Amino acid sequence: MTWTDAAGLLGVVLILIAYAGAALGRLDPKRAASLAANFAGASLILLSLAHAFNLSAVAMEGAWALVSLAGLARLGWKRLRG
């Protein structure tokens, strides 16, 4: 297993933890912990795809990362505004 494979698998685990936490009512999907786990997970999967490129997977994980990042930015903006 390469380090990029390991990074991708860690990314999958992070996304699944965030999803399971939201589905089981343990994590609020609109809060920073869930959004950060999704962003980190998607980013790690994207990193693994740099080694073994797959266009559809890059599109999916890129969108996943951008949506998570937008949610984190929204939270940051709300905190700045008071």
PDB file of N, CA and C in Angstrom:
ATOM      1  N   MET A   1       0.855  -1.177   0.000  1.00  0.00           N
ATOM      2  CA  MET A   1       0.000   0.000   0.000  1.00  0.00           C
ATOM      3  C   MET A   1       0.902   1.242   0.000  1.00  0.00           C
ATOM      4  N   THR A   2       0.577   2.173  -0.868  1.00  0.00           N
ATOM      5  CA  THR A   2       1.350   3.416  -0.934  1.00  0.00           C
ATOM      6  C   THR A   2       0.830   4.410   0.096  1.00  0.00           C
ATOM      7  N   TRP A   3       1.605   5.474   0.326  1.00  0.00           N
ATOM      8  CA  TRP A   3       1.157   6.495   1.281  1.00  0.00           C
ATOM      9  C   TRP A   3      -0.083   7.212   0.747  1.00  0.00           C
ATOM     10  N   THR A   4      -0.228   7.308  -0.579  1.00  0.00           N
ATOM     11  CA  THR A   4      -1.427   7.957  -1.129  1.00  0.00           C
ATOM     12  C   THR A   4      -2.661   7.074  -0.926  1.00  0.00           C
ATOM     13  N   ASP A   5      -2.481   5.754  -1.011  1.00  0.00           N
ATOM     14  CA  ASP A   5      -3.584   4.843  -0.700  1.00  0.00           C
ATOM     15  C   ASP A   5      -4.006   4.998   0.761  1.00  0.00           C
ATOM     16  N   ALA A   6      -3.026   5.064   1.640  1.00  0.00           N
ATOM     17  CA  ALA A   6      -3.321   5.226   3.070  1.00  0.00           C
ATOM     18  C   ALA A   6      -4.043   6.553   3.330  1.00  0.00           C
ATOM     19  N   ALA A   7      -3.606   7.612   2.669  1.00  0.00           N
ATOM     20  CA  ALA A   7      -4.267   8.913   2.828  1.00  0.00           C
ATOM     21  C   ALA A   7      -5.716   8.835   2.356  1.00  0.00           C
ATOM     22  N   GLY A   8      -5.935   8.188   1.214  1.00  0.00           N
ATOM     23  CA  GLY A   8      -7.296   8.037   0.699  1.00  0.00           C
ATOM     24  C   GLY A   8      -8.183   7.230   1.629  1.00  0.00           C
ATOM     25  N   LEU A   9      -7.644   6.159   2.183  1.00  0.00           N
ATOM     26  CA  LEU A   9      -8.426   5.351   3.129  1.00  0.00           C
ATOM     27  C   LEU A   9      -8.747   6.126   4.396  1.00  0.00           C
ATOM     28  N   LEU A  10      -7.800   6.907   4.888  1.00  0.00           N
ATOM     29  CA  LEU A  10      -8.064   7.751   6.047  1.00  0.00           C
ATOM     30  C   LEU A  10      -9.164   8.758   5.721  1.00  0.00           C
ATOM     31  N   GLY A  11      -9.130   9.306   4.513  1.00  0.00           N
ATOM     32  CA  GLY A  11     -10.172  10.226   4.083  1.00  0.00           C
ATOM     33  C   GLY A  11     -11.545   9.568   4.083  1.00  0.00           C
ATOM     34  N   VAL A  12     -11.609   8.351   3.582  1.00  0.00           N
ATOM     35  CA  VAL A  12     -12.876   7.607   3.579  1.00  0.00           C
ATOM     36  C   VAL A  12     -13.374   7.411   5.004  1.00  0.00           C
ATOM     37  N   VAL A  13     -12.483   7.035   5.908  1.00  0.00           N
ATOM     38  CA  VAL A  13     -12.858   6.826   7.315  1.00  0.00           C
ATOM     39  C   VAL A  13     -13.405   8.121   7.917  1.00  0.00           C
ATOM     40  N   LEU A  14     -12.746   9.239   7.661  1.00  0.00           N
ATOM     41  CA  LEU A  14     -13.221  10.520   8.206  1.00  0.00           C
ATOM     42  C   LEU A  14     -14.616  10.867   7.697  1.00  0.00           C
ATOM     43  N   ILE A  15     -14.841  10.700   6.408  1.00  0.00           N
ATOM     44  CA  ILE A  15     -16.161  11.004   5.848  1.00  0.00           C
ATOM     45  C   ILE A  15     -17.218  10.067   6.417  1.00  0.00           C
ATOM     46  N   LEU A  16     -16.887   8.790   6.548  1.00  0.00           N
ATOM     47  CA  LEU A  16     -17.854   7.836   7.103  1.00  0.00           C
ATOM     48  C   LEU A  16     -18.161   8.119   8.571  1.00  0.00           C
ATOM     49  N   ILE A  17     -17.159   8.534   9.331  1.00  0.00           N
ATOM     50  CA  ILE A  17     -17.405   8.904  10.729  1.00  0.00           C
ATOM     51  C   ILE A  17     -18.344  10.104  10.795  1.00  0.00           C
ATOM     52  N   ALA A  18     -18.092  11.103   9.961  1.00  0.00           N
ATOM     53  CA  ALA A  18     -18.959  12.287   9.943  1.00  0.00           C
ATOM     54  C   ALA A  18     -20.377  11.908   9.523  1.00  0.00           C
ATOM     55  N   TYR A  19     -20.510  11.066   8.521  1.00  0.00           N
ATOM     56  CA  TYR A  19     -21.835  10.656   8.053  1.00  0.00           C
ATOM     57  C   TYR A  19     -22.571   9.832   9.108  1.00  0.00           C
ATOM     58  N   ALA A  20     -21.871   8.879   9.690  1.00  0.00           N
ATOM     59  CA  ALA A  20     -22.494   8.047  10.725  1.00  0.00           C
ATOM     60  C   ALA A  20     -22.880   8.898  11.929  1.00  0.00           C
ATOM     61  N   GLY A  21     -22.008   9.820  12.312  1.00  0.00           N
ATOM     62  CA  GLY A  21     -22.325  10.704  13.431  1.00  0.00           C
ATOM     63  C   GLY A  21     -23.568  11.531  13.167  1.00  0.00           C
ATOM     64  N   ALA A  22     -23.712  12.032  11.950  1.00  0.00           N
ATOM     65  CA  ALA A  22     -24.902  12.812  11.597  1.00  0.00           C
ATOM     66  C   ALA A  22     -26.141  11.918  11.545  1.00  0.00           C
ATOM     67  N   ALA A  23     -26.004  10.746  10.944  1.00  0.00           N
ATOM     68  CA  ALA A  23     -27.142   9.837  10.815  1.00  0.00           C
ATOM     69  C   ALA A  23     -27.632   9.323  12.161  1.00  0.00           C
ATOM     70  N   LEU A  24     -26.713   9.174  13.109  1.00  0.00           N
ATOM     71  CA  LEU A  24     -27.072   8.663  14.436  1.00  0.00           C
ATOM     72  C   LEU A  24     -27.359   9.769  15.443  1.00  0.00           C
ATOM     73  N   GLY A  25     -27.337  11.010  14.984  1.00  0.00           N
ATOM     74  CA  GLY A  25     -27.650  12.134  15.854  1.00  0.00           C
ATOM     75  C   GLY A  25     -26.536  12.526  16.803  1.00  0.00           C
ATOM     76  N   ARG A  26     -25.322  12.064  16.546  1.00  0.00           N
ATOM     77  CA  ARG A  26     -24.177  12.395  17.406  1.00  0.00           C
ATOM     78  C   ARG A  26     -23.457  13.655  16.962  1.00  0.00           C
ATOM     79  N   LEU A  27     -23.516  13.969  15.670  1.00  0.00           N
ATOM     80  CA  LEU A  27     -22.870  15.156  15.118  1.00  0.00           C
ATOM     81  C   LEU A  27     -23.910  15.976  14.358  1.00  0.00           C
ATOM     82  N   ASP A  28     -23.874  17.263  14.546  1.00  0.00           N
ATOM     83  CA  ASP A  28     -24.725  18.152  13.769  1.00  0.00           C
ATOM     84  C   ASP A  28     -24.009  18.433  12.454  1.00  0.00           C
ATOM     85  N   PRO A  29     -24.610  18.067  11.315  1.00  0.00           N
ATOM     86  CA  PRO A  29     -23.923  18.243  10.036  1.00  0.00           C
ATOM     87  C   PRO A  29     -23.650  19.699   9.665  1.00  0.00           C
ATOM     88  N   LYS A  30     -24.247  20.646  10.377  1.00  0.00           N
ATOM     89  CA  LYS A  30     -24.018  22.065  10.112  1.00  0.00           C
ATOM     90  C   LYS A  30     -22.980  22.668  11.038  1.00  0.00           C
ATOM     91  N   ARG A  31     -22.402  21.863  11.919  1.00  0.00           N
ATOM     92  CA  ARG A  31     -21.406  22.367  12.870  1.00  0.00           C
ATOM     93  C   ARG A  31     -19.991  22.093  12.358  1.00  0.00           C
ATOM     94  N   ALA A  32     -19.047  22.776  12.966  1.00  0.00           N
ATOM     95  CA  ALA A  32     -17.667  22.756  12.481  1.00  0.00           C
ATOM     96  C   ALA A  32     -17.040  21.361  12.487  1.00  0.00           C
ATOM     97  N   ALA A  33     -17.298  20.557  13.506  1.00  0.00           N
ATOM     98  CA  ALA A  33     -16.647  19.238  13.590  1.00  0.00           C
ATOM     99  C   ALA A  33     -17.005  18.363  12.389  1.00  0.00           C
ATOM    100  N   SER A  34     -18.273  18.325  12.055  1.00  0.00           N
ATOM    101  CA  SER A  34     -18.722  17.516  10.926  1.00  0.00           C
ATOM    102  C   SER A  34     -18.203  18.068   9.605  1.00  0.00           C
ATOM    103  N   LEU A  35     -18.297  19.384   9.436  1.00  0.00           N
ATOM    104  CA  LEU A  35     -17.819  20.012   8.204  1.00  0.00           C
ATOM    105  C   LEU A  35     -16.315  19.834   8.036  1.00  0.00           C
ATOM    106  N   ALA A  36     -15.569  19.969   9.128  1.00  0.00           N
ATOM    107  CA  ALA A  36     -14.113  19.807   9.065  1.00  0.00           C
ATOM    108  C   ALA A  36     -13.732  18.366   8.732  1.00  0.00           C
ATOM    109  N   ALA A  37     -14.446  17.405   9.304  1.00  0.00           N
ATOM    110  CA  ALA A  37     -14.166  16.000   9.000  1.00  0.00           C
ATOM    111  C   ALA A  37     -14.446  15.704   7.531  1.00  0.00           C
ATOM    112  N   ASN A  38     -15.543  16.253   7.004  1.00  0.00           N
ATOM    113  CA  ASN A  38     -15.859  16.059   5.592  1.00  0.00           C
ATOM    114  C   ASN A  38     -14.830  16.733   4.690  1.00  0.00           C
ATOM    115  N   PHE A  39     -14.412  17.941   5.042  1.00  0.00           N
ATOM    116  CA  PHE A  39     -13.407  18.640   4.241  1.00  0.00           C
ATOM    117  C   PHE A  39     -12.071  17.901   4.253  1.00  0.00           C
ATOM    118  N   ALA A  40     -11.635  17.504   5.440  1.00  0.00           N
ATOM    119  CA  ALA A  40     -10.363  16.778   5.547  1.00  0.00           C
ATOM    120  C   ALA A  40     -10.434  15.445   4.801  1.00  0.00           C
ATOM    121  N   GLY A  41     -11.541  14.745   4.970  1.00  0.00           N
ATOM    122  CA  GLY A  41     -11.697  13.457   4.296  1.00  0.00           C
ATOM    123  C   GLY A  41     -11.669  13.587   2.785  1.00  0.00           C
ATOM    124  N   ALA A  42     -12.436  14.528   2.258  1.00  0.00           N
ATOM    125  CA  ALA A  42     -12.455  14.732   0.808  1.00  0.00           C
ATOM    126  C   ALA A  42     -11.093  15.178   0.294  1.00  0.00           C
ATOM    127  N   SER A  43     -10.409  16.014   1.053  1.00  0.00           N
ATOM    128  CA  SER A  43      -9.082  16.475   0.650  1.00  0.00           C
ATOM    129  C   SER A  43      -8.083  15.328   0.603  1.00  0.00           C
ATOM    130  N   LEU A  44      -8.158  14.433   1.578  1.00  0.00           N
ATOM    131  CA  LEU A  44      -7.259  13.280   1.585  1.00  0.00           C
ATOM    132  C   LEU A  44      -7.561  12.332   0.421  1.00  0.00           C
ATOM    133  N   ILE A  45      -8.829  12.161   0.107  1.00  0.00           N
ATOM    134  CA  ILE A  45      -9.179  11.324  -1.044  1.00  0.00           C
ATOM    135  C   ILE A  45      -8.678  11.978  -2.333  1.00  0.00           C
ATOM    136  N   LEU A  46      -8.830  13.298  -2.440  1.00  0.00           N
ATOM    137  CA  LEU A  46      -8.287  14.001  -3.611  1.00  0.00           C
ATOM    138  C   LEU A  46      -6.776  13.814  -3.724  1.00  0.00           C
ATOM    139  N   LEU A  47      -6.099  13.865  -2.601  1.00  0.00           N
ATOM    140  CA  LEU A  47      -4.657  13.638  -2.596  1.00  0.00           C
ATOM    141  C   LEU A  47      -4.333  12.251  -3.143  1.00  0.00           C
ATOM    142  N   SER A  48      -5.092  11.254  -2.726  1.00  0.00           N
ATOM    143  CA  SER A  48      -4.843   9.901  -3.215  1.00  0.00           C
ATOM    144  C   SER A  48      -5.129   9.789  -4.709  1.00  0.00           C
ATOM    145  N   LEU A  49      -6.056  10.587  -5.204  1.00  0.00           N
ATOM    146  CA  LEU A  49      -6.388  10.535  -6.625  1.00  0.00           C
ATOM    147  C   LEU A  49      -5.333  11.198  -7.504  1.00  0.00           C
ATOM    148  N   ALA A  50      -4.440  11.957  -6.897  1.00  0.00           N
ATOM    149  CA  ALA A  50      -3.327  12.525  -7.657  1.00  0.00           C
ATOM    150  C   ALA A  50      -2.400  11.412  -8.144  1.00  0.00           C
ATOM    151  N   HIS A  51      -2.378  10.326  -7.401  1.00  0.00           N
ATOM    152  CA  HIS A  51      -1.535   9.177  -7.766  1.00  0.00           C
ATOM    153  C   HIS A  51      -2.244   8.281  -8.787  1.00  0.00           C
ATOM    154  N   ALA A  52      -3.535   8.079  -8.600  1.00  0.00           N
ATOM    155  CA  ALA A  52      -4.320   7.228  -9.498  1.00  0.00           C
ATOM    156  C   ALA A  52      -5.558   8.015  -9.918  1.00  0.00           C
ATOM    157  N   PHE A  53      -5.409   8.842 -10.939  1.00  0.00           N
ATOM    158  CA  PHE A  53      -6.448   9.784 -11.343  1.00  0.00           C
ATOM    159  C   PHE A  53      -7.701   9.073 -11.828  1.00  0.00           C
ATOM    160  N   ASN A  54      -8.853   9.608 -11.397  1.00  0.00           N
ATOM    161  CA  ASN A  54     -10.159   9.148 -11.849  1.00  0.00           C
ATOM    162  C   ASN A  54     -11.039  10.395 -11.893  1.00  0.00           C
ATOM    163  N   LEU A  55     -11.448  10.814 -13.074  1.00  0.00           N
ATOM    164  CA  LEU A  55     -12.144  12.089 -13.242  1.00  0.00           C
ATOM    165  C   LEU A  55     -13.435  12.167 -12.437  1.00  0.00           C
ATOM    166  N   SER A  56     -14.258  11.136 -12.476  1.00  0.00           N
ATOM    167  CA  SER A  56     -15.521  11.197 -11.749  1.00  0.00           C
ATOM    168  C   SER A  56     -15.299  11.268 -10.240  1.00  0.00           C
ATOM    169  N   ALA A  57     -14.311  10.559  -9.741  1.00  0.00           N
ATOM    170  CA  ALA A  57     -14.009  10.608  -8.306  1.00  0.00           C
ATOM    171  C   ALA A  57     -13.453  11.975  -7.921  1.00  0.00           C
ATOM    172  N   VAL A  58     -12.617  12.562  -8.772  1.00  0.00           N
ATOM    173  CA  VAL A  58     -12.097  13.899  -8.499  1.00  0.00           C
ATOM    174  C   VAL A  58     -13.232  14.914  -8.475  1.00  0.00           C
ATOM    175  N   ALA A  59     -14.168  14.803  -9.412  1.00  0.00           N
ATOM    176  CA  ALA A  59     -15.314  15.720  -9.444  1.00  0.00           C
ATOM    177  C   ALA A  59     -16.148  15.590  -8.167  1.00  0.00           C
ATOM    178  N   MET A  60     -16.403  14.354  -7.747  1.00  0.00           N
ATOM    179  CA  MET A  60     -17.207  14.124  -6.542  1.00  0.00           C
ATOM    180  C   MET A  60     -16.509  14.660  -5.300  1.00  0.00           C
ATOM    181  N   GLU A  61     -15.261  14.296  -5.111  1.00  0.00           N
ATOM    182  CA  GLU A  61     -14.540  14.705  -3.907  1.00  0.00           C
ATOM    183  C   GLU A  61     -14.225  16.196  -3.922  1.00  0.00           C
ATOM    184  N   GLY A  62     -13.984  16.753  -5.100  1.00  0.00           N
ATOM    185  CA  GLY A  62     -13.783  18.196  -5.204  1.00  0.00           C
ATOM    186  C   GLY A  62     -15.033  18.950  -4.785  1.00  0.00           C
ATOM    187  N   ALA A  63     -16.184  18.493  -5.262  1.00  0.00           N
ATOM    188  CA  ALA A  63     -17.450  19.122  -4.877  1.00  0.00           C
ATOM    189  C   ALA A  63     -17.695  18.956  -3.383  1.00  0.00           C
ATOM    190  N   TRP A  64     -17.417  17.772  -2.859  1.00  0.00           N
ATOM    191  CA  TRP A  64     -17.604  17.487  -1.429  1.00  0.00           C
ATOM    192  C   TRP A  64     -16.738  18.425  -0.587  1.00  0.00           C
ATOM    193  N   ALA A  65     -15.495  18.590  -0.999  1.00  0.00           N
ATOM    194  CA  ALA A  65     -14.583  19.477  -0.275  1.00  0.00           C
ATOM    195  C   ALA A  65     -15.050  20.929  -0.355  1.00  0.00           C
ATOM    196  N   LEU A  66     -15.489  21.369  -1.538  1.00  0.00           N
ATOM    197  CA  LEU A  66     -15.938  22.760  -1.698  1.00  0.00           C
ATOM    198  C   LEU A  66     -17.197  23.054  -0.882  1.00  0.00           C
ATOM    199  N   VAL A  67     -18.135  22.126  -0.866  1.00  0.00           N
ATOM    200  CA  VAL A  67     -19.356  22.325  -0.075  1.00  0.00           C
ATOM    201  C   VAL A  67     -19.014  22.386   1.409  1.00  0.00           C
ATOM    202  N   SER A  68     -18.143  21.501   1.866  1.00  0.00           N
ATOM    203  CA  SER A  68     -17.723  21.509   3.272  1.00  0.00           C
ATOM    204  C   SER A  68     -17.000  22.801   3.614  1.00  0.00           C
ATOM    205  N   LEU A  69     -16.128  23.236   2.716  1.00  0.00           N
ATOM    206  CA  LEU A  69     -15.406  24.483   2.931  1.00  0.00           C
ATOM    207  C   LEU A  69     -16.354  25.679   2.957  1.00  0.00           C
ATOM    208  N   ALA A  70     -17.360  25.666   2.100  1.00  0.00           N
ATOM    209  CA  ALA A  70     -18.357  26.741   2.106  1.00  0.00           C
ATOM    210  C   ALA A  70     -19.110  26.766   3.438  1.00  0.00           C
ATOM    211  N   GLY A  71     -19.435  25.606   3.974  1.00  0.00           N
ATOM    212  CA  GLY A  71     -20.087  25.540   5.280  1.00  0.00           C
ATOM    213  C   GLY A  71     -19.199  26.079   6.390  1.00  0.00           C
ATOM    214  N   LEU A  72     -17.922  25.736   6.340  1.00  0.00           N
ATOM    215  CA  LEU A  72     -16.986  26.261   7.337  1.00  0.00           C
ATOM    216  C   LEU A  72     -16.834  27.774   7.199  1.00  0.00           C
ATOM    217  N   ALA A  73     -16.797  28.263   5.967  1.00  0.00           N
ATOM    218  CA  ALA A  73     -16.704  29.708   5.741  1.00  0.00           C
ATOM    219  C   ALA A  73     -17.953  30.413   6.274  1.00  0.00           C
ATOM    220  N   ARG A  74     -19.116  29.805   6.073  1.00  0.00           N
ATOM    221  CA  ARG A  74     -20.368  30.375   6.592  1.00  0.00           C
ATOM    222  C   ARG A  74     -20.312  30.480   8.118  1.00  0.00           C
ATOM    223  N   LEU A  75     -19.821  29.443   8.769  1.00  0.00           N
ATOM    224  CA  LEU A  75     -19.702  29.483  10.224  1.00  0.00           C
ATOM    225  C   LEU A  75     -18.734  30.564  10.666  1.00  0.00           C
ATOM    226  N   GLY A  76     -17.607  30.666   9.975  1.00  0.00           N
ATOM    227  CA  GLY A  76     -16.630  31.689  10.298  1.00  0.00           C
ATOM    228  C   GLY A  76     -17.202  33.090  10.109  1.00  0.00           C
ATOM    229  N   TRP A  77     -17.943  33.280   9.041  1.00  0.00           N
ATOM    230  CA  TRP A  77     -18.570  34.576   8.769  1.00  0.00           C
ATOM    231  C   TRP A  77     -19.579  34.938   9.864  1.00  0.00           C
ATOM    232  N   LYS A  78     -20.361  33.942  10.282  1.00  0.00           N
ATOM    233  CA  LYS A  78     -21.335  34.184  11.358  1.00  0.00           C
ATOM    234  C   LYS A  78     -20.649  34.583  12.653  1.00  0.00           C
ATOM    235  N   ARG A  79     -19.513  33.964  12.942  1.00  0.00           N
ATOM    236  CA  ARG A  79     -18.774  34.300  14.162  1.00  0.00           C
ATOM    237  C   ARG A  79     -18.188  35.716  14.091  1.00  0.00           C
ATOM    238  N   LEU A  80     -17.702  36.081  12.918  1.00  0.00           N
ATOM    239  CA  LEU A  80     -17.138  37.424  12.741  1.00  0.00           C
ATOM    240  C   LEU A  80     -18.206  38.504  12.887  1.00  0.00           C
ATOM    241  N   ARG A  81     -19.396  38.215  12.422  1.00  0.00           N
ATOM    242  CA  ARG A  81     -20.488  39.192  12.461  1.00  0.00           C
ATOM    243  C   ARG A  81     -21.123  39.287  13.846  1.00  0.00           C
ATOM    244  N   GLY A  82     -20.810  38.324  14.700  1.00  0.00           N
ATOM    245  CA  GLY A  82     -21.286  38.385  16.065  1.00  0.00           C
ATOM    246  C   GLY A  82     -22.468  37.577  16.308  1.00  0.00           C
TER     247      GLY A  82
END
